[in-house]
């Protein structure tokens, strides 16, 4: 499951909009929104592209965003 808040925060941190990230990975803003809101999933290439665009290189942060488990303790997620 996607951690929408972490991804949105990472996008905001680099000063991009959701539309700009969508265009950069080759999907429409509506498709990106559907993926962000859990109605669809990012494929592995899109995840890699998003991480590259946002400068996410730490595999733990990547996993916390894209393999989020809502039952995890919040302190575990921040590690």
PDB file of N, CA and C in Angstrom:
ATOM      1  N   UNK A   1       0.845  -1.178   0.000  1.00  0.00           N
ATOM      2  CA  UNK A   1       0.000   0.000   0.000  1.00  0.00           C
ATOM      3  C   UNK A   1       0.894   1.246   0.000  1.00  0.00           C
ATOM      4  N   UNK A   2       0.474   2.231  -0.709  1.00  0.00           N
ATOM      5  CA  UNK A   2       1.217   3.478  -0.853  1.00  0.00           C
ATOM      6  C   UNK A   2       1.009   4.387   0.358  1.00  0.00           C
ATOM      7  N   UNK A   3       2.095   4.990   0.835  1.00  0.00           N
ATOM      8  CA  UNK A   3       1.986   6.009   1.872  1.00  0.00           C
ATOM      9  C   UNK A   3       1.832   7.353   1.158  1.00  0.00           C
ATOM     10  N   UNK A   4       0.591   7.719   0.934  1.00  0.00           N
ATOM     11  CA  UNK A   4       0.252   8.932   0.179  1.00  0.00           C
ATOM     12  C   UNK A   4       0.875  10.183   0.786  1.00  0.00           C
ATOM     13  N   UNK A   5       0.839  10.288   2.104  1.00  0.00           N
ATOM     14  CA  UNK A   5       1.359  11.492   2.767  1.00  0.00           C
ATOM     15  C   UNK A   5       2.862  11.630   2.586  1.00  0.00           C
ATOM     16  N   UNK A   6       3.591  10.514   2.699  1.00  0.00           N
ATOM     17  CA  UNK A   6       5.050  10.583   2.508  1.00  0.00           C
ATOM     18  C   UNK A   6       5.395  10.961   1.075  1.00  0.00           C
ATOM     19  N   UNK A   7       4.667  10.375   0.103  1.00  0.00           N
ATOM     20  CA  UNK A   7       4.945  10.699  -1.295  1.00  0.00           C
ATOM     21  C   UNK A   7       4.607  12.150  -1.580  1.00  0.00           C
ATOM     22  N   UNK A   8       3.470  12.615  -1.105  1.00  0.00           N
ATOM     23  CA  UNK A   8       3.087  14.016  -1.316  1.00  0.00           C
ATOM     24  C   UNK A   8       4.106  14.952  -0.677  1.00  0.00           C
ATOM     25  N   UNK A   9       4.605  14.581   0.499  1.00  0.00           N
ATOM     26  CA  UNK A   9       5.623  15.396   1.162  1.00  0.00           C
ATOM     27  C   UNK A   9       6.915  15.442   0.378  1.00  0.00           C
ATOM     28  N   UNK A  10       7.315  14.308  -0.182  1.00  0.00           N
ATOM     29  CA  UNK A  10       8.541  14.259  -0.984  1.00  0.00           C
ATOM     30  C   UNK A  10       8.401  15.107  -2.247  1.00  0.00           C
ATOM     31  N   UNK A  11       7.220  15.072  -2.842  1.00  0.00           N
ATOM     32  CA  UNK A  11       6.967  15.890  -4.033  1.00  0.00           C
ATOM     33  C   UNK A  11       7.038  17.372  -3.670  1.00  0.00           C
ATOM     34  N   UNK A  12       6.417  17.750  -2.578  1.00  0.00           N
ATOM     35  CA  UNK A  12       6.431  19.147  -2.138  1.00  0.00           C
ATOM     36  C   UNK A  12       7.843  19.602  -1.783  1.00  0.00           C
ATOM     37  N   UNK A  13       8.617  18.713  -1.187  1.00  0.00           N
ATOM     38  CA  UNK A  13       9.981  19.054  -0.772  1.00  0.00           C
ATOM     39  C   UNK A  13      10.844  19.473  -1.951  1.00  0.00           C
ATOM     40  N   UNK A  14      10.654  18.828  -3.097  1.00  0.00           N
ATOM     41  CA  UNK A  14      11.457  19.193  -4.268  1.00  0.00           C
ATOM     42  C   UNK A  14      10.819  20.319  -5.072  1.00  0.00           C
ATOM     43  N   UNK A  15       9.652  20.796  -4.612  1.00  0.00           N
ATOM     44  CA  UNK A  15       9.014  21.940  -5.262  1.00  0.00           C
ATOM     45  C   UNK A  15       8.282  21.607  -6.543  1.00  0.00           C
ATOM     46  N   UNK A  16       7.842  20.371  -6.681  1.00  0.00           N
ATOM     47  CA  UNK A  16       7.104  19.974  -7.878  1.00  0.00           C
ATOM     48  C   UNK A  16       5.623  19.842  -7.541  1.00  0.00           C
ATOM     49  N   UNK A  17       4.808  19.823  -8.581  1.00  0.00           N
ATOM     50  CA  UNK A  17       3.383  19.543  -8.417  1.00  0.00           C
ATOM     51  C   UNK A  17       3.136  18.092  -8.806  1.00  0.00           C
ATOM     52  N   UNK A  18       1.982  17.590  -8.425  1.00  0.00           N
ATOM     53  CA  UNK A  18       1.623  16.229  -8.821  1.00  0.00           C
ATOM     54  C   UNK A  18       1.564  16.123 -10.338  1.00  0.00           C
ATOM     55  N   UNK A  19       1.062  17.151 -10.985  1.00  0.00           N
ATOM     56  CA  UNK A  19       0.988  17.168 -12.448  1.00  0.00           C
ATOM     57  C   UNK A  19       2.358  17.092 -13.103  1.00  0.00           C
ATOM     58  N   UNK A  20       3.323  17.779 -12.514  1.00  0.00           N
ATOM     59  CA  UNK A  20       4.692  17.741 -13.067  1.00  0.00           C
ATOM     60  C   UNK A  20       5.307  16.351 -12.914  1.00  0.00           C
ATOM     61  N   UNK A  21       5.085  15.724 -11.772  1.00  0.00           N
ATOM     62  CA  UNK A  21       5.602  14.365 -11.574  1.00  0.00           C
ATOM     63  C   UNK A  21       4.894  13.408 -12.526  1.00  0.00           C
ATOM     64  N   UNK A  22       3.582  13.568 -12.667  1.00  0.00           N
ATOM     65  CA  UNK A  22       2.823  12.726 -13.591  1.00  0.00           C
ATOM     66  C   UNK A  22       3.392  12.822 -15.003  1.00  0.00           C
ATOM     67  N   UNK A  23       3.608  14.039 -15.466  1.00  0.00           N
ATOM     68  CA  UNK A  23       4.161  14.238 -16.808  1.00  0.00           C
ATOM     69  C   UNK A  23       5.550  13.627 -16.930  1.00  0.00           C
ATOM     70  N   UNK A  24       6.350  13.763 -15.891  1.00  0.00           N
ATOM     71  CA  UNK A  24       7.719  13.243 -15.927  1.00  0.00           C
ATOM     72  C   UNK A  24       7.767  11.717 -16.001  1.00  0.00           C
ATOM     73  N   UNK A  25       6.739  11.048 -15.451  1.00  0.00           N
ATOM     74  CA  UNK A  25       6.731   9.581 -15.528  1.00  0.00           C
ATOM     75  C   UNK A  25       5.844   9.073 -16.661  1.00  0.00           C
ATOM     76  N   UNK A  26       5.278   9.994 -17.433  1.00  0.00           N
ATOM     77  CA  UNK A  26       4.536   9.614 -18.634  1.00  0.00           C
ATOM     78  C   UNK A  26       3.094   9.186 -18.411  1.00  0.00           C
ATOM     79  N   UNK A  27       2.448   9.724 -17.369  1.00  0.00           N
ATOM     80  CA  UNK A  27       1.026   9.435 -17.148  1.00  0.00           C
ATOM     81  C   UNK A  27       0.273  10.748 -17.018  1.00  0.00           C
ATOM     82  N   UNK A  28      -1.026  10.677 -17.188  1.00  0.00           N
ATOM     83  CA  UNK A  28      -1.840  11.884 -17.038  1.00  0.00           C
ATOM     84  C   UNK A  28      -1.969  12.245 -15.559  1.00  0.00           C
ATOM     85  N   UNK A  29      -2.374  13.474 -15.319  1.00  0.00           N
ATOM     86  CA  UNK A  29      -2.593  13.910 -13.944  1.00  0.00           C
ATOM     87  C   UNK A  29      -3.702  13.070 -13.294  1.00  0.00           C
ATOM     88  N   UNK A  30      -4.732  12.720 -14.061  1.00  0.00           N
ATOM     89  CA  UNK A  30      -5.824  11.898 -13.524  1.00  0.00           C
ATOM     90  C   UNK A  30      -5.338  10.499 -13.163  1.00  0.00           C
ATOM     91  N   UNK A  31      -4.496   9.920 -14.007  1.00  0.00           N
ATOM     92  CA  UNK A  31      -3.938   8.597 -13.718  1.00  0.00           C
ATOM     93  C   UNK A  31      -3.057   8.655 -12.481  1.00  0.00           C
ATOM     94  N   UNK A  32      -2.239   9.694 -12.382  1.00  0.00           N
ATOM     95  CA  UNK A  32      -1.377   9.856 -11.214  1.00  0.00           C
ATOM     96  C   UNK A  32      -2.228   9.977  -9.954  1.00  0.00           C
ATOM     97  N   UNK A  33      -3.301  10.755 -10.024  1.00  0.00           N
ATOM     98  CA  UNK A  33      -4.193  10.929  -8.887  1.00  0.00           C
ATOM     99  C   UNK A  33      -4.829   9.599  -8.486  1.00  0.00           C
ATOM    100  N   UNK A  34      -5.237   8.809  -9.469  1.00  0.00           N
ATOM    101  CA  UNK A  34      -5.833   7.497  -9.178  1.00  0.00           C
ATOM    102  C   UNK A  34      -4.833   6.594  -8.458  1.00  0.00           C
ATOM    103  N   UNK A  35      -3.591   6.643  -8.892  1.00  0.00           N
ATOM    104  CA  UNK A  35      -2.546   5.831  -8.261  1.00  0.00           C
ATOM    105  C   UNK A  35      -2.252   6.355  -6.856  1.00  0.00           C
ATOM    106  N   UNK A  36      -2.192   7.649  -6.710  1.00  0.00           N
ATOM    107  CA  UNK A  36      -1.922   8.266  -5.419  1.00  0.00           C
ATOM    108  C   UNK A  36      -3.026   7.962  -4.405  1.00  0.00           C
ATOM    109  N   UNK A  37      -4.247   7.849  -4.892  1.00  0.00           N
ATOM    110  CA  UNK A  37      -5.389   7.612  -4.015  1.00  0.00           C
ATOM    111  C   UNK A  37      -5.776   6.137  -3.898  1.00  0.00           C
ATOM    112  N   UNK A  38      -4.926   5.254  -4.409  1.00  0.00           N
ATOM    113  CA  UNK A  38      -5.129   3.825  -4.216  1.00  0.00           C
ATOM    114  C   UNK A  38      -6.136   3.165  -5.136  1.00  0.00           C
ATOM    115  N   UNK A  39      -6.591   3.865  -6.164  1.00  0.00           N
ATOM    116  CA  UNK A  39      -7.525   3.265  -7.112  1.00  0.00           C
ATOM    117  C   UNK A  39      -6.788   2.476  -8.187  1.00  0.00           C
ATOM    118  N   UNK A  40      -5.481   2.632  -8.233  1.00  0.00           N
ATOM    119  CA  UNK A  40      -4.603   1.949  -9.168  1.00  0.00           C
ATOM    120  C   UNK A  40      -3.237   1.901  -8.504  1.00  0.00           C
ATOM    121  N   UNK A  41      -2.310   1.173  -9.085  1.00  0.00           N
ATOM    122  CA  UNK A  41      -0.973   1.046  -8.487  1.00  0.00           C
ATOM    123  C   UNK A  41       0.100   1.519  -9.445  1.00  0.00           C
ATOM    124  N   UNK A  42       1.160   2.074  -8.887  1.00  0.00           N
ATOM    125  CA  UNK A  42       2.340   2.395  -9.682  1.00  0.00           C
ATOM    126  C   UNK A  42       3.038   1.092 -10.042  1.00  0.00           C
ATOM    127  N   UNK A  43       3.536   0.997 -11.268  1.00  0.00           N
ATOM    128  CA  UNK A  43       4.340  -0.175 -11.612  1.00  0.00           C
ATOM    129  C   UNK A  43       5.792   0.080 -11.194  1.00  0.00           C
ATOM    130  N   UNK A  44       6.614  -0.943 -11.275  1.00  0.00           N
ATOM    131  CA  UNK A  44       7.985  -0.812 -10.771  1.00  0.00           C
ATOM    132  C   UNK A  44       8.776   0.252 -11.514  1.00  0.00           C
ATOM    133  N   UNK A  45       8.563   0.384 -12.818  1.00  0.00           N
ATOM    134  CA  UNK A  45       9.283   1.416 -13.576  1.00  0.00           C
ATOM    135  C   UNK A  45       8.855   2.810 -13.113  1.00  0.00           C
ATOM    136  N   UNK A  46       7.576   3.004 -12.883  1.00  0.00           N
ATOM    137  CA  UNK A  46       7.081   4.294 -12.408  1.00  0.00           C
ATOM    138  C   UNK A  46       7.635   4.611 -11.025  1.00  0.00           C
ATOM    139  N   UNK A  47       7.705   3.607 -10.164  1.00  0.00           N
ATOM    140  CA  UNK A  47       8.277   3.815  -8.828  1.00  0.00           C
ATOM    141  C   UNK A  47       9.737   4.222  -8.938  1.00  0.00           C
ATOM    142  N   UNK A  48      10.495   3.519  -9.776  1.00  0.00           N
ATOM    143  CA  UNK A  48      11.906   3.876  -9.974  1.00  0.00           C
ATOM    144  C   UNK A  48      12.047   5.284 -10.533  1.00  0.00           C
ATOM    145  N   UNK A  49      11.183   5.636 -11.495  1.00  0.00           N
ATOM    146  CA  UNK A  49      11.228   6.974 -12.093  1.00  0.00           C
ATOM    147  C   UNK A  49      10.890   8.051 -11.063  1.00  0.00           C
ATOM    148  N   UNK A  50       9.870   7.810 -10.266  1.00  0.00           N
ATOM    149  CA  UNK A  50       9.488   8.778  -9.226  1.00  0.00           C
ATOM    150  C   UNK A  50      10.640   8.979  -8.249  1.00  0.00           C
ATOM    151  N   UNK A  51      11.247   7.890  -7.815  1.00  0.00           N
ATOM    152  CA  UNK A  51      12.358   7.990  -6.866  1.00  0.00           C
ATOM    153  C   UNK A  51      13.520   8.766  -7.472  1.00  0.00           C
ATOM    154  N   UNK A  52      13.799   8.525  -8.731  1.00  0.00           N
ATOM    155  CA  UNK A  52      14.880   9.256  -9.408  1.00  0.00           C
ATOM    156  C   UNK A  52      14.545  10.749  -9.476  1.00  0.00           C
ATOM    157  N   UNK A  53      13.338  11.073  -9.879  1.00  0.00           N
ATOM    158  CA  UNK A  53      12.907  12.473 -10.004  1.00  0.00           C
ATOM    159  C   UNK A  53      12.969  13.188  -8.657  1.00  0.00           C
ATOM    160  N   UNK A  54      12.569  12.481  -7.603  1.00  0.00           N
ATOM    161  CA  UNK A  54      12.499  13.099  -6.280  1.00  0.00           C
ATOM    162  C   UNK A  54      13.793  12.958  -5.487  1.00  0.00           C
ATOM    163  N   UNK A  55      14.784  12.274  -6.049  1.00  0.00           N
ATOM    164  CA  UNK A  55      16.065  12.109  -5.365  1.00  0.00           C
ATOM    165  C   UNK A  55      15.999  11.140  -4.194  1.00  0.00           C
ATOM    166  N   UNK A  56      15.086  10.192  -4.265  1.00  0.00           N
ATOM    167  CA  UNK A  56      14.962   9.193  -3.202  1.00  0.00           C
ATOM    168  C   UNK A  56      15.895   8.041  -3.536  1.00  0.00           C
ATOM    169  N   UNK A  57      16.978   7.934  -2.762  1.00  0.00           N
ATOM    170  CA  UNK A  57      17.963   6.883  -3.017  1.00  0.00           C
ATOM    171  C   UNK A  57      18.011   5.843  -1.903  1.00  0.00           C
ATOM    172  N   UNK A  58      17.495   6.183  -0.739  1.00  0.00           N
ATOM    173  CA  UNK A  58      17.518   5.276   0.397  1.00  0.00           C
ATOM    174  C   UNK A  58      16.428   4.213   0.214  1.00  0.00           C
ATOM    175  N   UNK A  59      16.822   2.931   0.145  1.00  0.00           N
ATOM    176  CA  UNK A  59      15.822   1.880  -0.071  1.00  0.00           C
ATOM    177  C   UNK A  59      14.798   1.765   1.060  1.00  0.00           C
ATOM    178  N   UNK A  60      15.166   2.162   2.253  1.00  0.00           N
ATOM    179  CA  UNK A  60      14.212   2.110   3.364  1.00  0.00           C
ATOM    180  C   UNK A  60      13.133   3.174   3.179  1.00  0.00           C
ATOM    181  N   UNK A  61      13.529   4.361   2.778  1.00  0.00           N
ATOM    182  CA  UNK A  61      12.544   5.418   2.522  1.00  0.00           C
ATOM    183  C   UNK A  61      11.643   5.013   1.355  1.00  0.00           C
ATOM    184  N   UNK A  62      12.249   4.450   0.322  1.00  0.00           N
ATOM    185  CA  UNK A  62      11.476   3.977  -0.833  1.00  0.00           C
ATOM    186  C   UNK A  62      10.447   2.943  -0.386  1.00  0.00           C
ATOM    187  N   UNK A  63      10.869   1.992   0.427  1.00  0.00           N
ATOM    188  CA  UNK A  63       9.954   0.963   0.926  1.00  0.00           C
ATOM    189  C   UNK A  63       8.880   1.574   1.813  1.00  0.00           C
ATOM    190  N   UNK A  64       9.238   2.544   2.640  1.00  0.00           N
ATOM    191  CA  UNK A  64       8.257   3.186   3.514  1.00  0.00           C
ATOM    192  C   UNK A  64       7.190   3.931   2.719  1.00  0.00           C
ATOM    193  N   UNK A  65       7.552   4.432   1.558  1.00  0.00           N
ATOM    194  CA  UNK A  65       6.578   5.130   0.717  1.00  0.00           C
ATOM    195  C   UNK A  65       5.733   4.140  -0.080  1.00  0.00           C
ATOM    196  N   UNK A  66       6.380   3.204  -0.754  1.00  0.00           N
ATOM    197  CA  UNK A  66       5.677   2.365  -1.716  1.00  0.00           C
ATOM    198  C   UNK A  66       5.241   0.998  -1.186  1.00  0.00           C
ATOM    199  N   UNK A  67       5.744   0.596  -0.025  1.00  0.00           N
ATOM    200  CA  UNK A  67       5.329  -0.675   0.578  1.00  0.00           C
ATOM    201  C   UNK A  67       4.782  -0.436   1.972  1.00  0.00           C
ATOM    202  N   UNK A  68       4.113   0.679   2.132  1.00  0.00           N
ATOM    203  CA  UNK A  68       3.595   1.119   3.423  1.00  0.00           C
ATOM    204  C   UNK A  68       2.591   0.120   3.978  1.00  0.00           C
ATOM    205  N   UNK A  69       2.749  -0.206   5.253  1.00  0.00           N
ATOM    206  CA  UNK A  69       1.815  -1.061   5.974  1.00  0.00           C
ATOM    207  C   UNK A  69       1.186  -0.213   7.066  1.00  0.00           C
ATOM    208  N   UNK A  70      -0.087   0.138   6.934  1.00  0.00           N
ATOM    209  CA  UNK A  70      -0.705   1.036   7.913  1.00  0.00           C
ATOM    210  C   UNK A  70      -0.704   0.514   9.344  1.00  0.00           C
ATOM    211  N   UNK A  71      -0.495  -0.773   9.525  1.00  0.00           N
ATOM    212  CA  UNK A  71      -0.474  -1.322  10.883  1.00  0.00           C
ATOM    213  C   UNK A  71       0.901  -1.184  11.537  1.00  0.00           C
ATOM    214  N   UNK A  72       1.903  -0.708  10.769  1.00  0.00           N
ATOM    215  CA  UNK A  72       3.232  -0.506  11.331  1.00  0.00           C
ATOM    216  C   UNK A  72       3.208   0.590  12.383  1.00  0.00           C
ATOM    217  N   UNK A  73       4.058   0.450  13.353  1.00  0.00           N
ATOM    218  CA  UNK A  73       4.251   1.486  14.349  1.00  0.00           C
ATOM    219  C   UNK A  73       4.847   2.709  13.647  1.00  0.00           C
ATOM    220  N   UNK A  74       4.321   3.879  13.908  1.00  0.00           N
ATOM    221  CA  UNK A  74       4.814   5.095  13.244  1.00  0.00           C
ATOM    222  C   UNK A  74       6.304   5.326  13.485  1.00  0.00           C
ATOM    223  N   UNK A  75       6.821   4.911  14.638  1.00  0.00           N
ATOM    224  CA  UNK A  75       8.253   5.084  14.897  1.00  0.00           C
ATOM    225  C   UNK A  75       9.080   4.195  13.976  1.00  0.00           C
ATOM    226  N   UNK A  76       8.583   3.028  13.611  1.00  0.00           N
ATOM    227  CA  UNK A  76       9.295   2.152  12.691  1.00  0.00           C
ATOM    228  C   UNK A  76       9.402   2.777  11.316  1.00  0.00           C
ATOM    229  N   UNK A  77       8.358   3.472  10.891  1.00  0.00           N
ATOM    230  CA  UNK A  77       8.322   4.074   9.557  1.00  0.00           C
ATOM    231  C   UNK A  77       9.367   5.168   9.425  1.00  0.00           C
ATOM    232  N   UNK A  78       9.652   5.891  10.477  1.00  0.00           N
ATOM    233  CA  UNK A  78      10.575   7.032  10.423  1.00  0.00           C
ATOM    234  C   UNK A  78      12.036   6.600  10.396  1.00  0.00           C
ATOM    235  N   UNK A  79      12.325   5.356  10.674  1.00  0.00           N
ATOM    236  CA  UNK A  79      13.723   4.896  10.742  1.00  0.00           C
ATOM    237  C   UNK A  79      14.403   4.966   9.402  1.00  0.00           C
TER     238      UNK A  79
END
